[in-house]
Protein backbone atom coordinates (compact mmCIF):
# COMPACT_ATOMS: atom_id res chain seq x y z
CA MET A 1 69.20 -30.62 117.53
CA ARG A 2 67.88 -31.85 120.87
CA LYS A 3 69.01 -31.68 124.45
CA ILE A 4 69.64 -34.97 126.25
CA THR A 5 66.46 -34.37 128.28
CA ASP A 6 64.38 -33.63 125.15
CA LEU A 7 64.85 -36.86 123.22
CA GLU A 8 61.58 -38.12 121.76
CA PHE A 9 60.92 -41.63 123.04
CA ASP A 10 58.52 -44.10 121.41
CA ASN A 11 58.96 -47.35 123.32
CA THR A 12 57.32 -49.82 120.92
CA TYR A 13 58.93 -52.94 122.41
CA ARG A 14 57.50 -52.05 125.81
CA LYS A 15 54.01 -52.36 124.26
CA LEU A 16 54.50 -56.10 123.77
CA PRO A 17 53.30 -58.42 126.59
CA GLN A 18 55.62 -58.79 129.56
CA GLU A 19 56.70 -62.29 128.46
CA PHE A 20 59.09 -60.47 126.13
CA TYR A 21 61.06 -58.58 128.77
CA ASP A 22 61.64 -57.79 132.41
CA LEU A 23 61.15 -54.24 133.64
CA VAL A 24 64.30 -53.20 135.46
CA LYS A 25 66.25 -50.03 136.08
CA PRO A 26 70.02 -49.74 135.58
CA THR A 27 72.30 -49.97 138.58
CA PRO A 28 74.49 -46.85 138.33
CA LEU A 29 78.25 -46.99 138.51
CA SER A 30 80.00 -44.92 141.13
CA ASN A 31 81.32 -41.54 139.91
CA PRO A 32 80.43 -41.97 136.22
CA ASP A 33 82.45 -39.94 133.74
CA LEU A 34 82.43 -39.65 129.96
CA VAL A 35 85.28 -41.60 128.35
CA SER A 36 84.32 -41.11 124.71
CA PHE A 37 81.41 -39.64 122.75
CA ASN A 38 80.46 -40.34 119.14
CA SER A 39 78.91 -37.30 117.47
CA ASP A 40 78.16 -39.34 114.32
CA ALA A 41 75.92 -41.68 116.28
CA ALA A 42 74.40 -38.76 118.18
CA ALA A 43 73.26 -37.25 114.89
CA LEU A 44 71.14 -40.36 114.27
CA ILE A 45 68.91 -39.39 117.21
CA ASP A 46 69.16 -35.60 116.63
CA LEU A 47 71.21 -35.18 119.81
CA ASP A 48 73.18 -31.94 120.04
CA PRO A 49 76.83 -33.00 120.43
CA THR A 50 77.51 -30.12 122.83
CA GLN A 51 75.29 -31.94 125.33
CA ALA A 52 78.21 -34.29 125.97
CA GLU A 53 80.02 -31.38 127.63
CA LEU A 54 77.40 -31.12 130.38
CA PRO A 55 78.40 -32.48 133.81
CA GLU A 56 75.12 -34.43 134.04
CA PHE A 57 75.45 -36.09 130.61
CA ALA A 58 77.19 -39.17 132.05
CA ASP A 59 74.52 -39.42 134.74
CA TYR A 60 71.71 -39.69 132.17
CA LEU A 61 73.48 -42.29 130.05
CA SER A 62 74.67 -44.46 132.91
CA GLY A 63 71.32 -44.86 134.64
CA LYS A 64 72.12 -42.53 137.51
CA LYS A 65 69.39 -40.20 136.25
CA MET A 66 66.37 -41.34 134.24
CA LEU A 67 65.99 -39.99 130.73
CA PRO A 68 62.53 -38.43 130.48
CA GLY A 69 60.32 -40.74 128.41
CA SER A 70 62.56 -43.80 128.71
CA ASP A 71 61.14 -47.09 129.97
CA PRO A 72 64.04 -49.44 130.85
CA LEU A 73 63.72 -53.17 130.32
CA ALA A 74 65.86 -56.29 129.86
CA MET A 75 64.96 -58.28 126.73
CA TYR A 76 64.17 -61.99 126.93
CA TYR A 77 65.82 -64.41 124.50
CA THR A 78 67.57 -67.77 124.46
CA GLY A 79 69.80 -69.39 121.87
CA HIS A 80 72.22 -72.01 120.67
CA GLN A 81 75.66 -71.38 122.13
CA PHE A 82 78.52 -73.30 120.50
CA GLY A 83 75.90 -75.60 118.99
CA VAL A 84 74.06 -76.38 122.24
CA TYR A 85 70.70 -74.87 123.15
CA ASN A 86 70.78 -72.72 126.28
CA PRO A 87 67.32 -71.83 127.66
CA ASP A 88 68.72 -69.40 130.20
CA ILE A 89 70.11 -66.28 128.53
CA GLY A 90 68.41 -62.88 128.02
CA ASP A 91 69.87 -59.44 128.70
CA GLY A 92 72.00 -60.33 131.68
CA ARG A 93 74.15 -57.21 131.67
CA ALA A 94 72.35 -54.87 129.28
CA ILE A 95 69.19 -52.83 129.54
CA LEU A 96 67.14 -51.22 126.80
CA LEU A 97 66.79 -47.67 128.14
CA GLY A 98 64.18 -46.90 125.52
CA GLU A 99 63.62 -46.19 121.84
CA VAL A 100 64.25 -42.71 120.47
CA ARG A 101 62.38 -41.48 117.38
CA ASN A 102 64.32 -38.99 115.26
CA LYS A 103 62.92 -36.29 112.98
CA LYS A 104 62.94 -38.72 110.02
CA GLY A 105 60.65 -41.03 111.95
CA GLU A 106 63.38 -43.66 112.51
CA ILE A 107 63.48 -45.43 115.85
CA TRP A 108 66.81 -46.16 117.53
CA ASP A 109 67.24 -48.36 120.60
CA LEU A 110 69.45 -46.95 123.33
CA HIS A 111 70.88 -50.10 124.85
CA LEU A 112 73.06 -49.73 127.93
CA LYS A 113 75.70 -52.45 128.31
CA GLY A 114 77.13 -53.05 131.76
CA ALA A 115 73.96 -51.75 133.43
CA GLY A 116 73.96 -54.17 136.36
CA ARG A 117 72.02 -57.26 137.31
CA THR A 118 68.72 -58.22 135.69
CA LYS A 119 66.37 -61.19 135.93
CA PHE A 120 68.57 -62.90 133.32
CA SER A 121 71.97 -62.33 134.96
CA ARG A 122 72.17 -65.80 136.55
CA ILE A 123 75.30 -65.83 138.74
CA PHE A 124 76.94 -62.87 137.00
CA ASP A 125 77.28 -59.27 138.18
CA GLY A 126 75.77 -57.61 135.11
CA ARG A 127 78.75 -55.33 134.67
CA ALA A 128 81.04 -54.51 131.76
CA VAL A 129 84.65 -53.38 132.00
CA LEU A 130 86.36 -50.47 130.33
CA ARG A 131 88.52 -52.78 128.23
CA SER A 132 85.59 -54.56 126.56
CA CYS A 133 83.61 -51.34 126.11
CA ILE A 134 86.50 -49.74 124.24
CA ARG A 135 86.85 -52.79 122.00
CA GLU A 136 83.17 -52.79 121.04
CA TYR A 137 83.00 -49.01 120.69
CA LEU A 138 85.93 -48.94 118.28
CA CYS A 139 85.00 -52.01 116.27
CA SER A 140 81.36 -51.13 115.70
CA GLU A 141 82.45 -47.75 114.36
CA ALA A 142 85.23 -49.36 112.31
CA MET A 143 82.71 -51.72 110.73
CA HIS A 144 80.41 -48.80 109.94
CA GLY A 145 83.34 -47.02 108.31
CA LEU A 146 83.91 -50.11 106.17
CA GLY A 147 80.28 -50.00 105.03
CA ILE A 148 79.20 -53.12 106.91
CA PRO A 149 75.80 -53.18 108.68
CA THR A 150 76.39 -52.92 112.41
CA THR A 151 75.13 -51.62 115.70
CA ARG A 152 76.52 -48.19 116.53
CA ALA A 153 78.12 -46.86 119.70
CA LEU A 154 77.02 -43.55 121.20
CA CYS A 155 79.38 -43.27 124.14
CA ILE A 156 81.45 -44.98 126.82
CA ILE A 157 80.88 -44.10 130.47
CA GLY A 158 83.74 -44.88 132.84
CA SER A 159 83.88 -45.02 136.60
CA ASP A 160 86.12 -45.68 139.59
CA GLU A 161 84.19 -48.86 140.42
CA ILE A 162 86.25 -52.06 140.41
CA VAL A 163 84.84 -55.15 138.71
CA GLN A 164 86.35 -58.57 139.29
CA ARG A 165 87.19 -60.63 136.21
CA GLU A 166 90.38 -62.67 135.84
CA THR A 167 91.92 -59.61 137.46
CA SER A 168 90.44 -56.47 138.98
CA GLU A 169 89.31 -54.10 136.23
CA LYS A 170 87.62 -50.73 135.94
CA GLY A 171 83.86 -50.93 135.48
CA ALA A 172 82.27 -49.10 132.57
CA MET A 173 79.12 -48.85 130.49
CA MET A 174 78.56 -48.35 126.79
CA VAL A 175 75.45 -47.03 125.08
CA ARG A 176 74.83 -49.13 121.97
CA MET A 177 72.39 -48.10 119.25
CA ALA A 178 70.46 -50.17 116.72
CA GLN A 179 67.05 -49.96 115.11
CA THR A 180 66.29 -53.22 116.90
CA HIS A 181 68.03 -55.67 119.22
CA VAL A 182 65.74 -58.60 118.33
CA ARG A 183 67.83 -61.71 117.61
CA PHE A 184 67.36 -65.21 116.24
CA GLY A 185 67.29 -66.29 119.87
CA SER A 186 64.33 -64.01 120.59
CA PHE A 187 62.17 -66.38 118.52
CA GLU A 188 63.83 -69.50 119.89
CA ALA A 189 62.83 -68.47 123.41
CA PHE A 190 59.15 -68.88 122.61
CA HIS A 191 59.43 -71.84 120.24
CA TYR A 192 61.22 -74.02 122.77
CA THR A 193 58.72 -73.14 125.51
CA ASP A 194 55.79 -74.03 123.22
CA ARG A 195 54.39 -70.52 122.86
CA PRO A 196 53.63 -70.20 119.12
CA ASP A 197 51.32 -67.26 119.81
CA CYS A 198 54.35 -65.30 121.07
CA VAL A 199 56.42 -66.36 118.04
CA LYS A 200 53.69 -64.95 115.80
CA LEU A 201 53.32 -61.80 117.87
CA LEU A 202 57.06 -61.12 117.74
CA ALA A 203 57.15 -61.78 113.99
CA ASP A 204 54.26 -59.36 113.50
CA TYR A 205 56.10 -56.76 115.56
CA VAL A 206 59.36 -57.15 113.62
CA ILE A 207 57.59 -57.07 110.26
CA GLU A 208 55.61 -53.96 111.18
CA HIS A 209 58.65 -52.02 112.35
CA HIS A 210 61.49 -53.38 110.20
CA PHE A 211 60.00 -55.16 107.16
CA PRO A 212 56.88 -53.04 106.47
CA GLU A 213 56.92 -54.00 102.77
CA PHE A 214 55.46 -57.39 103.83
CA LEU A 215 52.61 -56.00 105.94
CA GLY A 216 49.22 -57.41 105.04
CA LEU A 217 50.58 -60.03 102.63
CA GLU A 218 49.27 -63.55 103.08
CA ASN A 219 52.77 -65.03 102.80
CA ARG A 220 54.42 -62.31 104.89
CA TYR A 221 56.14 -64.76 107.27
CA ASP A 222 57.70 -66.71 104.40
CA LEU A 223 58.92 -63.46 102.82
CA PHE A 224 60.21 -62.28 106.20
CA PHE A 225 62.33 -65.39 106.71
CA SER A 226 63.58 -65.21 103.12
CA GLU A 227 64.70 -61.61 103.65
CA VAL A 228 66.45 -62.46 106.92
CA ALA A 229 68.33 -65.27 105.15
CA LYS A 230 69.28 -62.92 102.31
CA ARG A 231 70.55 -60.19 104.62
CA THR A 232 72.51 -62.71 106.67
CA ALA A 233 74.16 -64.12 103.53
CA GLN A 234 75.10 -60.63 102.37
CA LEU A 235 76.46 -59.78 105.81
CA MET A 236 78.68 -62.88 105.77
CA ALA A 237 80.03 -61.94 102.34
CA LYS A 238 80.95 -58.50 103.66
CA TRP A 239 82.59 -59.92 106.79
CA GLN A 240 84.67 -62.33 104.76
CA SER A 241 85.69 -59.67 102.25
CA VAL A 242 87.30 -57.47 104.91
CA GLY A 243 88.74 -60.39 106.89
CA PHE A 244 86.52 -59.89 109.94
CA ALA A 245 86.01 -62.75 112.38
CA HIS A 246 83.20 -62.30 114.91
CA GLY A 247 84.32 -64.96 117.36
CA VAL A 248 80.98 -65.89 118.98
CA MET A 249 78.33 -66.58 116.35
CA ASN A 250 75.74 -68.03 118.72
CA THR A 251 72.11 -67.64 117.62
CA ASP A 252 71.56 -65.10 120.39
CA ASN A 253 74.27 -62.98 118.73
CA MET A 254 72.58 -63.01 115.31
CA SER A 255 70.54 -59.92 114.44
CA ILE A 256 67.14 -60.44 112.83
CA THR A 257 67.79 -57.41 110.59
CA GLY A 258 71.24 -58.47 109.38
CA LEU A 259 73.43 -56.33 111.62
CA THR A 260 76.78 -57.16 113.15
CA ILE A 261 75.93 -57.34 116.85
CA ASP A 262 77.54 -58.30 120.17
CA TYR A 263 81.25 -57.72 119.65
CA GLY A 264 83.15 -60.07 121.92
CA PRO A 265 86.50 -61.68 121.08
CA TYR A 266 86.50 -60.46 117.47
CA GLY A 267 89.48 -59.84 115.19
CA PHE A 268 90.54 -58.92 111.67
CA LEU A 269 92.80 -61.11 109.57
CA GLU A 270 96.35 -59.87 109.60
CA ASP A 271 98.37 -62.73 108.17
CA CYS A 272 95.90 -64.45 105.86
CA ASN A 273 94.88 -67.50 107.88
CA PRO A 274 91.49 -69.06 107.06
CA GLU A 275 91.56 -70.93 110.40
CA TYR A 276 91.95 -67.73 112.40
CA THR A 277 89.84 -68.00 115.56
CA PRO A 278 89.85 -64.85 117.75
CA ASN A 279 88.01 -66.56 120.61
CA HIS A 280 90.67 -68.38 122.64
CA SER A 281 88.02 -70.50 124.38
CA ASP A 282 86.83 -71.85 121.01
CA ASN A 283 89.16 -74.85 121.13
CA PHE A 284 87.71 -76.57 118.07
CA GLY A 285 87.55 -73.49 115.85
CA ARG A 286 83.78 -73.64 115.45
CA TYR A 287 83.67 -69.89 114.91
CA SER A 288 86.84 -69.55 112.88
CA TYR A 289 86.99 -67.06 110.02
CA GLN A 290 86.56 -69.72 107.34
CA ASN A 291 83.55 -71.30 109.08
CA GLN A 292 81.44 -68.15 109.37
CA PRO A 293 79.25 -68.57 106.26
CA ALA A 294 78.48 -72.20 107.15
CA ILE A 295 77.71 -71.27 110.77
CA ALA A 296 75.40 -68.49 109.60
CA LEU A 297 73.49 -71.05 107.56
CA TRP A 298 73.39 -73.42 110.56
CA ASN A 299 71.97 -70.58 112.65
CA LEU A 300 69.36 -69.83 109.99
CA ASN A 301 68.29 -73.47 110.12
CA LYS A 302 67.69 -73.02 113.85
CA LEU A 303 65.71 -69.85 113.17
CA ALA A 304 63.62 -71.77 110.63
CA VAL A 305 62.81 -74.30 113.34
CA ALA A 306 61.82 -71.51 115.70
CA LEU A 307 59.52 -70.03 113.04
CA SER A 308 58.08 -73.39 111.94
CA SER A 309 54.66 -72.59 113.42
CA ILE A 310 54.20 -69.66 111.01
CA VAL A 311 56.61 -70.23 108.09
CA ASP A 312 55.84 -72.86 105.43
CA GLY A 313 58.45 -75.63 105.63
CA GLU A 314 59.05 -75.85 101.88
CA LYS A 315 59.39 -72.08 101.55
CA ALA A 316 61.82 -72.01 104.47
CA GLN A 317 63.93 -74.71 102.82
CA GLU A 318 63.96 -72.74 99.57
CA SER A 319 65.32 -69.74 101.44
CA LEU A 320 67.95 -71.88 103.13
CA ASP A 321 68.91 -73.48 99.82
CA ASN A 322 69.29 -70.00 98.29
CA PHE A 323 71.68 -68.90 101.01
CA ARG A 324 74.82 -70.28 99.37
CA ASN A 325 74.01 -68.74 95.99
CA ILE A 326 73.28 -65.34 97.52
CA TYR A 327 76.45 -65.50 99.60
CA ALA A 328 78.64 -66.62 96.69
CA SER A 329 77.22 -64.03 94.31
CA CYS A 330 77.67 -61.20 96.81
CA TYR A 331 81.16 -62.34 97.83
CA VAL A 332 82.42 -62.66 94.24
CA GLU A 333 80.95 -59.26 93.39
CA ILE A 334 82.75 -57.61 96.32
CA MET A 335 86.04 -59.43 95.74
CA SER A 336 85.95 -58.59 92.02
CA LYS A 337 85.77 -54.92 92.96
CA LYS A 338 88.57 -55.38 95.50
CA ILE A 339 90.91 -56.66 92.78
CA GLY A 340 89.81 -53.95 90.38
CA LEU A 341 87.54 -55.80 87.94
CA LYS A 342 84.62 -53.96 86.37
CA GLU A 343 83.16 -56.56 84.04
CA GLU A 344 81.98 -60.04 84.98
CA MET A 345 83.79 -62.92 83.26
CA THR A 346 83.62 -66.65 83.84
CA GLU A 347 87.27 -66.98 84.89
CA ASP A 348 86.95 -64.44 87.73
CA VAL A 349 85.94 -66.97 90.41
CA GLU A 350 89.00 -69.09 89.72
CA LEU A 351 91.25 -66.01 89.63
CA ILE A 352 89.99 -64.91 93.06
CA LYS A 353 90.28 -68.43 94.49
CA ARG A 354 93.85 -68.81 93.25
CA LEU A 355 94.82 -65.53 94.87
CA LEU A 356 93.26 -66.41 98.22
CA ASP A 357 94.98 -69.81 98.21
CA ILE A 358 98.35 -68.13 97.62
CA LEU A 359 97.74 -65.53 100.34
CA ALA A 360 96.79 -68.28 102.80
CA LYS A 361 99.74 -70.49 101.94
CA GLU A 362 102.20 -67.60 102.29
CA LYS A 363 100.46 -66.02 105.33
CA VAL A 364 100.62 -62.63 103.64
CA ASP A 365 98.94 -59.65 105.30
CA TYR A 366 95.45 -59.65 103.76
CA THR A 367 94.67 -55.94 104.05
CA ILE A 368 98.09 -54.62 103.05
CA PHE A 369 98.25 -56.89 100.00
CA LEU A 370 94.88 -55.82 98.61
CA ARG A 371 95.69 -52.15 99.20
CA ARG A 372 99.02 -52.49 97.40
CA LEU A 373 97.43 -54.38 94.54
CA SER A 374 95.80 -51.13 93.43
CA ASN A 375 99.27 -49.83 92.49
CA ILE A 376 99.85 -52.57 89.91
CA THR A 377 100.46 -51.26 86.41
CA SER A 378 99.70 -53.02 83.18
CA ASN A 379 103.32 -52.87 82.07
CA ASN A 380 106.24 -54.56 83.86
CA SER A 381 107.25 -51.55 85.95
CA ASP A 382 109.32 -51.77 89.12
CA ARG A 383 106.23 -50.73 91.10
CA ASN A 384 104.90 -54.24 90.63
CA GLN A 385 107.82 -55.67 92.58
CA ASP A 386 106.31 -54.29 95.82
CA ILE A 387 103.74 -57.06 95.53
CA VAL A 388 106.10 -59.87 94.57
CA PHE A 389 108.52 -59.14 97.42
CA MET A 390 105.74 -59.84 99.97
CA PHE A 391 105.99 -63.56 99.13
CA GLU A 392 108.61 -66.21 99.76
CA ASP A 393 107.31 -68.26 96.84
CA GLN A 394 107.58 -65.51 94.26
CA GLY A 395 106.89 -67.92 91.42
CA ALA A 396 103.27 -68.57 92.45
CA ILE A 397 102.38 -64.92 92.82
CA SER A 398 104.22 -64.01 89.63
CA ASP A 399 102.17 -66.60 87.73
CA TRP A 400 99.00 -65.20 89.26
CA MET A 401 100.06 -61.65 88.36
CA SER A 402 100.50 -62.70 84.74
CA SER A 403 96.95 -64.09 84.69
CA TYR A 404 95.69 -60.99 86.46
CA LYS A 405 97.25 -58.62 83.95
CA LEU A 406 95.76 -60.58 81.07
CA ARG A 407 92.38 -60.33 82.79
CA LEU A 408 92.79 -56.56 83.18
CA LYS A 409 93.77 -56.27 79.53
CA ALA A 410 90.63 -58.20 78.53
CA GLU A 411 88.46 -55.36 79.83
CA ASN A 412 90.83 -52.55 78.78
CA SER A 413 91.45 -51.58 82.39
CA ASN A 414 92.81 -48.08 82.98
CA ASP A 415 95.53 -48.07 85.67
CA THR A 416 94.62 -44.67 87.12
CA GLU A 417 90.88 -45.31 87.26
CA ARG A 418 91.40 -48.79 88.69
CA ASN A 419 93.71 -47.45 91.40
CA LYS A 420 91.05 -44.97 92.50
CA SER A 421 88.21 -47.48 92.48
CA MET A 422 90.22 -50.14 94.36
CA ASN A 423 91.23 -47.66 97.05
CA LEU A 424 87.55 -47.00 97.69
CA VAL A 425 86.93 -50.65 98.63
CA ASN A 426 90.27 -51.77 100.07
CA PRO A 427 90.90 -50.06 103.42
CA LYS A 428 94.27 -48.67 104.33
CA PHE A 429 93.36 -49.05 107.99
CA ILE A 430 91.64 -51.82 109.95
CA LEU A 431 91.30 -52.20 113.71
CA ARG A 432 94.33 -54.37 114.31
CA ASN A 433 94.63 -55.94 117.74
CA TYR A 434 97.70 -53.95 118.72
CA LEU A 435 95.95 -50.66 117.87
CA ALA A 436 92.97 -51.52 120.05
CA GLU A 437 95.30 -52.69 122.82
CA ASN A 438 97.27 -49.42 122.71
CA ALA A 439 94.05 -47.44 123.17
CA ILE A 440 92.93 -49.73 125.99
CA ARG A 441 96.21 -49.57 127.88
CA LYS A 442 96.34 -45.75 127.74
CA ALA A 443 92.76 -45.52 128.92
CA VAL A 444 92.98 -48.11 131.68
CA ASP A 445 96.49 -47.40 132.96
CA GLU A 446 96.73 -43.64 132.44
CA ALA A 447 93.11 -42.41 132.11
CA ASP A 448 94.26 -41.07 128.74
CA TYR A 449 91.45 -41.34 126.19
CA THR A 450 93.15 -39.54 123.32
CA GLU A 451 94.11 -42.76 121.54
CA ILE A 452 90.44 -43.81 121.44
CA GLU A 453 89.58 -40.52 119.75
CA ARG A 454 92.49 -40.75 117.32
CA LEU A 455 91.57 -44.30 116.29
CA HIS A 456 87.93 -43.34 115.90
CA ARG A 457 88.85 -40.48 113.56
CA ILE A 458 90.94 -42.82 111.42
CA LEU A 459 88.51 -45.73 111.37
CA ARG A 460 85.51 -43.62 110.39
CA ASP A 461 87.28 -43.09 107.04
CA PRO A 462 89.53 -46.16 106.66
CA PHE A 463 90.01 -45.79 102.89
CA SER A 464 91.73 -42.41 103.08
CA GLU A 465 95.50 -42.02 102.82
């Protein structure tokens, strides 16, 4: 394991021409202190977790001291925000400290959010607040615990600096990790400024470092776009299956490698409401829970436009046309496991759809219902009443339960085995808003970070009793 000053940097993005970034150093916060440290993420870069106990640890990961070998820069990108192209985005409050290579040869970006003003900050101060850092820190780790591709969070650095938002808040920074922070909007930036050479150069870079199986192939750009579309479809299926709503699915918030990135006003379904929109400024529900797969496809269409100088139009359309089939197949596969089905039968899609319609109509808690469903027995035991009593319209769910039991009987389902398998895919715990808010209030009001640590321990293994 390595010391914080002995991390092995290999800053590949810095080797691209300067059109792709702006060299800038972080603006340190006053009196930085460590709020929370994630030893799981530290292991990804071979960082000794005891390093977090050092007084200077917060200095190195807040920009007060330079990490040896790092080469800080703000990444350039643009994007479609709420359906409208914005040519003026980029890393306005985040800085890529550098890229660390671990002993396996994997490269991980260390991306510092809240690092101060950059060339792309516009009128903003480039800062983050403790509240938002805690929310992203907890949710990225919760999503990882659920098995969903996501950026990771190494640590939160707090301070006594005051940042002005709607009210005065405590400034903070968070170190985010990902194998790349390239987005759909990274390609849009060069397409809409008529720089196809940069589009090609960026595509070559991404393929070399993240899609090496396509290197040297004549149709590598077509295959690259097809793989991005596939990963995005699979990511949407996973989001929908756990009831996660991102809140701001702009193209600059879409990862080119299929990660969940840029946690803003996110949320998890509690009462099953397909129209759930965690972003209170999204007045028309563009980024509601139910719209996410369609918005992902819309965003992929914009990426196809940005790649039109190197990707064959017909091949791109094929990939876009395949999106719905990939999404549907992946979603049905996941949901079949969540309701305990092992074999694939033609009636399964309708069975799943009927259940979701009932849950939505009754506004039943999505996570609790699916967890309790694992306790259903094939006979008519009293244990089954725990499910029925969750509904006002008990007739509809009772009818569904009858169909469900017949479906289980058709594949000779074993109650004990099914209970175990369902509890491996249906979490007992999700990051509910009140849980996150409790952790935030203790941290902000009392400088008590124990609730962050407790939630992190639970959310890293959300399927355990």
